[in-house]
Protein backbone atom coordinates (compact mmCIF):
# COMPACT_ATOMS: atom_id res chain seq x y z
CA MET A 1 -0.18 -0.18 -0.29
CA ARG A 2 2.97 2.01 1.12
CA GLN A 3 4.54 1.66 -2.18
CA SER A 4 1.68 2.42 -4.20
CA LEU A 5 1.12 5.69 -2.95
CA GLN A 6 4.67 6.17 -3.71
CA THR A 7 4.37 5.49 -7.01
CA ILE A 8 1.03 7.78 -7.57
CA ASN A 9 2.98 10.44 -5.55
CA LEU A 10 6.25 9.75 -8.35
CA LEU A 11 3.82 9.98 -11.09
CA SER A 12 1.90 13.00 -9.69
CA GLN A 13 5.63 14.82 -9.23
CA MET A 14 6.70 13.38 -13.20
CA LYS A 15 3.27 15.21 -14.78
CA ASP A 16 4.02 18.24 -12.96
CA PHE A 17 7.69 18.27 -14.28
CA GLU A 18 6.59 17.66 -17.68
CA ALA A 19 4.42 20.33 -17.57
CA SER A 20 6.59 23.21 -16.16
CA ALA A 21 9.42 21.90 -18.58
CA GLU A 22 6.66 22.65 -21.68
CA PRO A 23 7.35 25.93 -22.39
CA LEU A 24 11.09 25.61 -22.31
CA GLN A 25 10.73 22.98 -24.71
CA GLU A 26 8.84 24.96 -27.42
CA CYS A 27 11.26 27.80 -26.97
CA LEU A 28 14.45 25.20 -27.62
CA ASN A 29 12.07 24.27 -30.77
CA ALA A 30 11.67 27.58 -31.81
CA THR A 31 15.34 28.06 -31.05
CA GLU A 32 16.30 25.72 -33.49
CA LEU A 33 13.83 26.29 -36.03
CA ALA A 34 15.57 29.50 -36.33
CA VAL A 35 19.10 28.26 -36.45
CA GLN A 36 18.04 26.04 -39.30
CA GLU A 37 16.23 28.33 -41.33
CA SER A 38 19.33 31.00 -40.85
CA SER A 39 22.40 28.46 -41.48
CA THR A 40 20.41 27.82 -45.23
CA ARG A 41 20.96 32.01 -45.69
CA LEU A 42 25.14 31.55 -44.97
CA HIS A 43 26.40 32.03 -48.25
CA ASP A 44 28.93 34.41 -47.56
CA LEU A 45 30.52 36.96 -44.84
CA THR A 46 28.58 39.42 -45.02
CA ALA A 47 25.20 37.31 -44.86
CA LYS A 48 26.43 35.59 -41.78
CA LYS A 49 27.10 38.84 -39.94
CA LEU A 50 23.52 39.88 -41.08
CA GLU A 51 22.26 36.88 -39.97
CA LEU A 52 24.39 36.75 -36.75
CA HIS A 53 22.61 40.43 -35.95
CA LYS A 54 19.12 39.24 -36.53
CA LEU A 55 19.77 36.22 -33.91
CA GLN A 56 21.58 38.49 -31.58
CA VAL A 57 17.91 40.95 -31.72
């Protein structure tokens, strides 16, 4: 019985953690997409500097 309550408590904590990590995951996904998109436009040094400036803003 005690182990069952511990399992339920652990599952509850896991769900809370997953919910709190969701905004961070969305931010990471958006950042990854921005980096992938920008890397396709980096043909020369001028373009690289422009893209770096865009990503830093």
